[in-house]
N, C-alpha and C. Protein backbone atom coordinates (compact mmCIF):
# COMPACT_ATOMS: atom_id res chain seq x y z
N MET A 1 58.12 -7.57 309.58
CA MET A 1 58.33 -6.90 308.26
C MET A 1 57.48 -7.80 307.16
N VAL A 2 56.77 -6.93 306.28
CA VAL A 2 56.25 -7.79 305.13
C VAL A 2 56.76 -7.41 304.19
N ALA A 3 57.15 -7.97 303.02
CA ALA A 3 57.94 -7.71 302.03
C ALA A 3 56.89 -7.49 300.70
N SER A 4 57.23 -6.28 300.34
CA SER A 4 56.19 -6.02 299.30
C SER A 4 56.16 -6.65 298.11
N ARG A 5 55.05 -6.75 297.57
CA ARG A 5 55.06 -7.49 296.59
C ARG A 5 54.14 -6.50 295.17
N ARG A 6 55.00 -6.88 293.91
CA ARG A 6 54.70 -6.17 293.01
C ARG A 6 53.95 -7.10 292.19
N PRO A 7 52.96 -6.57 291.30
CA PRO A 7 52.14 -7.39 290.61
C PRO A 7 52.86 -7.84 289.49
N LEU A 8 52.44 -9.27 288.99
CA LEU A 8 53.62 -9.70 288.03
C LEU A 8 53.01 -9.16 286.85
N THR A 9 53.84 -8.74 285.75
CA THR A 9 53.48 -8.73 284.61
C THR A 9 53.99 -9.33 283.57
N ARG A 10 53.63 -9.80 282.71
CA ARG A 10 54.02 -10.45 281.60
C ARG A 10 54.59 -9.92 280.36
N ALA A 11 55.69 -9.92 280.07
CA ALA A 11 56.07 -9.30 278.73
C ALA A 11 56.61 -10.45 277.72
N PHE A 12 57.22 -9.83 276.72
CA PHE A 12 57.64 -10.74 275.49
C PHE A 12 59.41 -10.84 276.01
N THR A 13 59.74 -11.88 275.62
CA THR A 13 61.21 -11.84 275.79
C THR A 13 62.03 -11.87 274.81
N LEU A 14 63.02 -11.77 274.46
CA LEU A 14 63.94 -11.08 273.47
C LEU A 14 63.75 -12.61 272.47
N ILE A 15 63.77 -13.60 273.20
CA ILE A 15 63.74 -15.23 272.51
C ILE A 15 62.48 -15.03 271.41
N GLU A 16 61.25 -15.01 272.45
CA GLU A 16 60.15 -14.85 271.66
C GLU A 16 59.73 -14.06 270.52
N MET A 17 60.34 -12.72 270.74
CA MET A 17 60.35 -11.73 269.81
C MET A 17 61.21 -12.10 268.30
N LEU A 18 62.52 -12.72 268.50
CA LEU A 18 63.48 -13.28 267.59
C LEU A 18 62.40 -14.30 266.80
N LEU A 19 62.07 -15.16 267.64
CA LEU A 19 61.34 -16.34 267.03
C LEU A 19 60.01 -15.80 266.10
N VAL A 20 59.31 -14.79 266.53
CA VAL A 20 58.06 -13.98 265.65
C VAL A 20 58.86 -13.63 264.50
N MET A 21 59.72 -12.85 264.68
CA MET A 21 60.57 -12.43 263.50
C MET A 21 61.20 -12.99 262.48
N VAL A 22 61.63 -14.20 262.78
CA VAL A 22 62.26 -15.49 262.10
C VAL A 22 60.75 -16.09 261.30
N VAL A 23 59.95 -16.31 261.74
CA VAL A 23 58.56 -16.76 261.43
C VAL A 23 58.15 -15.83 260.09
N LEU A 24 58.06 -14.61 260.61
CA LEU A 24 57.52 -13.62 259.67
C LEU A 24 58.60 -13.46 258.47
N ALA A 25 59.78 -13.53 258.41
CA ALA A 25 60.90 -13.44 257.68
C ALA A 25 60.59 -14.76 256.69
N MET A 26 60.34 -15.86 257.11
CA MET A 26 60.29 -16.94 256.08
C MET A 26 58.98 -16.98 255.64
N LEU A 27 57.66 -16.20 256.04
CA LEU A 27 56.57 -16.26 255.54
C LEU A 27 56.62 -14.90 253.85
N LEU A 28 57.42 -14.02 254.58
CA LEU A 28 57.73 -13.04 253.22
C LEU A 28 58.40 -13.41 252.41
N THR A 29 59.56 -14.56 252.47
CA THR A 29 60.52 -15.06 251.37
C THR A 29 59.51 -16.11 250.66
N LEU A 30 58.27 -16.49 251.09
CA LEU A 30 57.51 -17.21 250.30
C LEU A 30 56.41 -16.47 249.26
N SER A 31 55.96 -15.73 250.18
CA SER A 31 55.01 -14.70 249.50
C SER A 31 55.27 -13.60 248.48
N VAL A 32 56.66 -13.11 248.83
CA VAL A 32 56.89 -11.65 248.00
C VAL A 32 56.97 -11.93 246.96
N PRO A 33 58.06 -13.03 246.33
CA PRO A 33 58.41 -13.51 244.93
C PRO A 33 56.61 -13.82 244.10
N ARG A 34 55.92 -14.22 244.95
CA ARG A 34 54.65 -14.67 244.01
C ARG A 34 54.12 -13.42 243.86
N TYR A 35 54.15 -12.46 244.95
CA TYR A 35 53.13 -11.67 244.67
C TYR A 35 53.96 -10.60 243.69
N PHE A 36 55.10 -10.23 242.92
CA PHE A 36 55.61 -9.46 242.05
C PHE A 36 55.35 -10.26 240.70
N SER A 37 55.60 -11.86 240.88
CA SER A 37 55.16 -12.48 239.67
C SER A 37 53.92 -12.44 239.17
N SER A 38 53.11 -11.92 239.99
CA SER A 38 51.55 -11.75 239.94
C SER A 38 51.15 -10.57 239.34
N LEU A 39 52.09 -9.63 239.83
CA LEU A 39 52.27 -8.12 239.18
C LEU A 39 52.30 -8.13 237.74
N ASP A 40 53.89 -8.74 237.48
CA ASP A 40 53.99 -8.92 235.93
C ASP A 40 52.92 -9.65 234.91
N LYS A 41 52.24 -10.59 235.60
CA LYS A 41 51.27 -11.12 234.92
C LYS A 41 50.13 -10.35 235.01
N SER A 42 49.77 -9.69 235.74
CA SER A 42 48.53 -8.80 235.43
C SER A 42 48.82 -7.62 234.12
N ARG A 43 49.84 -7.23 234.64
CA ARG A 43 50.31 -6.12 233.62
C ARG A 43 50.15 -6.68 232.01
N ASP A 44 50.53 -8.02 231.83
CA ASP A 44 50.42 -8.58 230.46
C ASP A 44 48.99 -8.76 230.17
N VAL A 45 48.04 -9.08 231.27
CA VAL A 45 46.72 -9.03 230.92
C VAL A 45 45.95 -7.74 230.53
N VAL A 46 46.37 -6.75 231.33
CA VAL A 46 45.50 -5.59 231.26
C VAL A 46 46.22 -5.03 229.84
N LEU A 47 47.62 -5.28 229.43
CA LEU A 47 47.88 -4.57 228.31
C LEU A 47 47.25 -5.52 226.82
N ALA A 48 46.85 -6.75 227.17
CA ALA A 48 46.37 -7.51 225.84
C ALA A 48 44.94 -7.30 226.26
N GLU A 49 44.06 -6.54 227.25
CA GLU A 49 42.85 -6.34 227.24
C GLU A 49 42.79 -5.08 226.72
N ASN A 50 43.15 -3.85 226.82
CA ASN A 50 43.42 -2.75 226.58
C ASN A 50 43.37 -2.60 225.17
N LEU A 51 44.54 -3.36 224.48
CA LEU A 51 44.85 -3.58 223.17
C LEU A 51 43.37 -4.38 222.28
N ARG A 52 42.91 -5.26 222.83
CA ARG A 52 41.72 -5.95 222.22
C ARG A 52 40.33 -4.99 222.37
N VAL A 53 40.34 -4.27 223.16
CA VAL A 53 38.89 -3.33 223.42
C VAL A 53 39.32 -2.12 222.52
N THR A 54 40.79 -1.28 222.28
CA THR A 54 41.03 -0.54 221.70
C THR A 54 40.70 -0.91 220.40
N ARG A 55 40.97 -2.30 219.55
CA ARG A 55 41.20 -2.88 218.38
C ARG A 55 39.56 -2.71 217.88
N ILE A 56 38.63 -3.27 219.01
CA ILE A 56 37.12 -3.50 218.57
C ILE A 56 36.65 -2.15 218.30
N GLY A 57 37.34 -0.87 218.98
CA GLY A 57 36.75 0.38 219.02
C GLY A 57 37.13 0.78 217.22
N ILE A 58 38.17 0.45 217.10
CA ILE A 58 38.92 0.83 215.63
C ILE A 58 37.94 0.26 214.57
N ASP A 59 37.43 -1.18 214.77
CA ASP A 59 36.86 -2.05 213.78
C ASP A 59 35.43 -1.50 213.72
N ARG A 60 34.81 -1.09 214.92
CA ARG A 60 33.49 -0.29 214.77
C ARG A 60 33.43 1.02 214.39
N PHE A 61 34.40 1.94 214.45
CA PHE A 61 34.85 3.00 213.62
C PHE A 61 34.51 2.78 212.47
N PHE A 62 35.37 1.84 211.80
CA PHE A 62 35.87 1.81 210.39
C PHE A 62 33.91 1.03 209.78
N ALA A 63 33.55 0.32 210.36
CA ALA A 63 32.75 -0.41 210.33
C ALA A 63 31.10 0.87 209.96
N ASP A 64 31.24 1.77 210.93
CA ASP A 64 30.13 3.02 210.70
C ASP A 64 30.66 3.74 209.87
N ARG A 65 31.66 4.18 209.78
CA ARG A 65 32.19 5.63 208.80
C ARG A 65 32.86 5.06 207.84
N GLY A 66 33.26 3.98 207.43
CA GLY A 66 34.05 3.67 206.15
C GLY A 66 35.20 4.01 206.02
N ARG A 67 35.90 4.39 207.13
CA ARG A 67 37.44 4.58 206.95
C ARG A 67 37.84 4.50 208.65
N TYR A 68 39.10 4.40 208.39
CA TYR A 68 39.60 4.67 209.80
C TYR A 68 39.82 5.72 210.56
N PRO A 69 40.06 5.74 211.78
CA PRO A 69 40.58 7.14 212.21
C PRO A 69 41.64 7.54 212.28
N GLU A 70 41.78 8.77 212.41
CA GLU A 70 42.99 9.77 212.32
C GLU A 70 43.98 9.79 213.33
N SER A 71 43.14 9.05 214.44
CA SER A 71 44.27 9.09 215.90
C SER A 71 43.29 8.73 216.84
N LEU A 72 43.82 8.41 217.82
CA LEU A 72 43.36 7.28 219.17
C LEU A 72 42.07 8.72 219.66
N GLU A 73 42.67 9.93 220.11
CA GLU A 73 41.98 10.87 220.08
C GLU A 73 40.40 10.76 219.46
N GLU A 74 40.40 10.59 218.31
CA GLU A 74 39.09 10.53 217.53
C GLU A 74 38.27 9.58 217.87
N LEU A 75 38.85 8.65 218.22
CA LEU A 75 37.64 7.47 218.70
C LEU A 75 37.43 7.91 220.35
N VAL A 76 38.07 8.47 221.00
CA VAL A 76 37.66 8.78 222.20
C VAL A 76 36.49 10.20 222.05
N GLU A 77 36.89 10.87 221.14
CA GLU A 77 35.85 11.85 220.80
C GLU A 77 34.72 11.25 219.98
N ALA A 78 34.74 10.43 219.21
CA ALA A 78 33.40 9.80 218.71
C ALA A 78 32.94 8.87 219.78
N LYS A 79 33.16 8.44 220.93
CA LYS A 79 32.45 7.77 221.96
C LYS A 79 33.25 6.10 221.93
N TYR A 80 33.88 5.97 220.34
CA TYR A 80 34.11 4.72 220.72
C TYR A 80 35.11 3.91 221.81
N LEU A 81 35.59 4.78 222.34
CA LEU A 81 36.52 4.66 223.66
C LEU A 81 36.21 5.56 224.61
N SER A 82 36.20 5.21 225.94
CA SER A 82 35.75 5.96 227.05
C SER A 82 36.96 6.84 227.42
N ALA A 83 38.31 6.31 226.82
CA ALA A 83 39.53 6.98 227.29
C ALA A 83 40.70 6.50 226.21
N LEU A 84 41.68 7.14 226.11
CA LEU A 84 42.87 6.60 225.74
C LEU A 84 43.33 5.36 226.50
N PRO A 85 43.64 4.52 225.58
CA PRO A 85 44.39 3.09 226.03
C PRO A 85 45.38 3.38 227.09
N TRP A 86 45.25 2.40 228.17
CA TRP A 86 46.84 2.79 229.33
C TRP A 86 47.42 1.45 228.48
N ASP A 87 48.65 1.79 228.64
CA ASP A 87 49.97 1.05 228.63
C ASP A 87 50.67 0.61 229.77
N PRO A 88 50.35 -0.50 230.59
CA PRO A 88 50.34 -0.50 231.87
C PRO A 88 51.98 -1.30 231.95
N VAL A 89 52.73 -1.44 230.93
CA VAL A 89 54.15 -1.86 230.99
C VAL A 89 55.01 -0.49 230.82
N LEU A 90 54.56 0.19 229.84
CA LEU A 90 55.32 1.64 230.16
C LEU A 90 54.49 2.75 230.88
N GLU A 91 53.26 2.37 231.41
CA GLU A 91 52.68 3.60 232.36
C GLU A 91 52.57 4.76 231.59
N SER A 92 51.75 4.59 230.62
CA SER A 92 51.65 6.02 229.57
C SER A 92 50.51 5.36 228.63
N GLN A 93 49.65 6.57 228.21
CA GLN A 93 48.66 6.35 227.32
C GLN A 93 49.19 7.02 226.12
N THR A 94 50.45 7.60 225.88
CA THR A 94 50.68 8.17 224.26
C THR A 94 51.91 7.20 223.68
N ASN A 95 52.43 6.58 224.49
CA ASN A 95 53.57 5.59 223.57
C ASN A 95 53.24 4.29 223.13
N TRP A 96 52.04 4.83 222.19
CA TRP A 96 51.54 3.58 221.16
C TRP A 96 52.22 3.43 219.83
N VAL A 97 52.72 2.34 219.18
CA VAL A 97 52.83 2.49 217.89
C VAL A 97 51.65 2.06 216.71
N LEU A 98 51.47 3.12 216.07
CA LEU A 98 50.00 3.17 215.34
C LEU A 98 50.58 2.49 214.24
N VAL A 99 49.63 1.44 213.49
CA VAL A 99 49.89 0.82 212.27
C VAL A 99 48.57 1.60 211.50
N ALA A 100 49.50 1.86 210.19
CA ALA A 100 48.60 2.36 209.00
C ALA A 100 47.72 1.56 208.46
N PRO A 101 46.66 2.17 207.80
CA PRO A 101 45.73 1.25 207.29
C PRO A 101 46.35 0.67 206.12
N PRO A 102 45.85 -0.43 205.21
CA PRO A 102 46.51 -0.96 203.87
C PRO A 102 46.15 0.39 202.84
N SER A 103 47.19 0.56 201.82
CA SER A 103 46.95 1.21 200.81
C SER A 103 45.80 1.33 200.25
N GLY A 104 44.85 2.54 199.90
CA GLY A 104 43.55 2.57 199.55
C GLY A 104 42.71 3.12 200.58
N GLU A 105 42.88 2.86 202.07
CA GLU A 105 42.36 3.00 202.82
C GLU A 105 42.23 4.45 203.38
N SER A 106 41.35 5.19 203.81
CA SER A 106 41.63 6.34 204.44
C SER A 106 41.79 6.49 205.72
N GLY A 107 42.35 7.34 206.69
CA GLY A 107 42.76 7.45 208.19
C GLY A 107 44.11 7.01 208.28
N ARG A 108 44.44 7.11 209.26
CA ARG A 108 45.88 6.58 209.88
C ARG A 108 46.03 5.63 211.21
N VAL A 109 44.81 5.18 211.48
CA VAL A 109 45.02 4.04 212.52
C VAL A 109 44.27 3.20 211.87
N ALA A 110 44.76 1.81 211.66
CA ALA A 110 44.18 0.63 211.70
C ALA A 110 44.31 -0.21 212.72
N ASP A 111 45.40 0.07 213.72
CA ASP A 111 45.63 -1.03 214.41
C ASP A 111 46.75 -0.62 215.56
N LEU A 112 47.15 -0.80 216.28
CA LEU A 112 48.32 -0.26 217.50
C LEU A 112 48.72 -1.49 218.20
N ARG A 113 49.92 -1.15 218.62
CA ARG A 113 50.82 -2.16 219.22
C ARG A 113 51.50 -1.55 220.63
N SER A 114 52.14 -2.06 221.21
CA SER A 114 52.57 -1.56 222.37
C SER A 114 54.26 -1.18 221.96
N ALA A 115 54.49 -0.05 222.31
CA ALA A 115 55.78 0.20 222.02
C ALA A 115 57.15 -0.21 223.20
N ALA A 116 56.37 -0.83 224.41
CA ALA A 116 57.24 -1.45 225.03
C ALA A 116 58.24 -2.43 224.71
N PRO A 117 59.68 -1.99 225.08
CA PRO A 117 60.62 -3.20 224.96
C PRO A 117 60.48 -4.40 225.61
N GLY A 118 61.14 -5.69 224.99
CA GLY A 118 61.07 -6.94 225.88
C GLY A 118 60.03 -7.64 225.76
N SER A 119 59.97 -8.72 226.61
CA SER A 119 58.66 -9.82 226.60
C SER A 119 57.77 -9.81 227.66
N GLY A 120 56.72 -10.43 227.59
CA GLY A 120 55.75 -10.68 228.61
C GLY A 120 56.03 -11.64 229.41
N LYS A 121 55.39 -12.28 230.58
CA LYS A 121 55.44 -13.64 231.34
C LYS A 121 55.81 -14.44 230.18
N SER A 122 54.68 -14.59 229.49
CA SER A 122 54.74 -15.97 228.77
C SER A 122 55.81 -15.99 227.41
N GLY A 123 56.93 -14.84 227.23
CA GLY A 123 57.95 -15.08 226.52
C GLY A 123 57.44 -14.43 225.37
N LYS A 124 56.26 -14.00 225.08
CA LYS A 124 55.84 -13.07 223.59
C LYS A 124 56.27 -11.38 224.06
N PRO A 125 56.86 -11.12 222.95
CA PRO A 125 57.31 -9.99 222.65
C PRO A 125 56.04 -8.86 223.20
N TYR A 126 56.24 -7.69 223.83
CA TYR A 126 55.21 -6.65 223.52
C TYR A 126 54.66 -6.26 222.70
N ALA A 127 55.26 -5.99 221.47
CA ALA A 127 54.81 -5.65 219.84
C ALA A 127 53.94 -6.56 219.40
N ASP A 128 54.00 -7.83 220.16
CA ASP A 128 53.18 -8.76 219.23
C ASP A 128 51.35 -9.01 219.94
N TYR A 129 51.36 -8.32 221.05
CA TYR A 129 50.18 -8.65 221.56
C TYR A 129 49.10 -8.13 220.93
């Protein structure tokens, strides 16, 4: 009698699978906090850049027309901005604090600030960006 031989197939053992899972868990504990930290930092950078670009648009509008815009929509309609600015902290285009121009100047928007509560990664309040 000849014993039948099955071909040997190699599979992962439970120990090998557990070891891989432990290594992956260790890598995730190192990378996930850095990922979320970088997301917060990028929100701050985007907010500052959106405010900077919008303020430049307001200044150019004032320089060209001799008055401040009545609304942010007027800046978009006049092509000083391609779209309403996005507040990445509040995830909105409409929650801005509009700062009125000095007395004696016409228009309603001389500056804008974020309405987001709290502070950014640097400790600077969002309203002061």
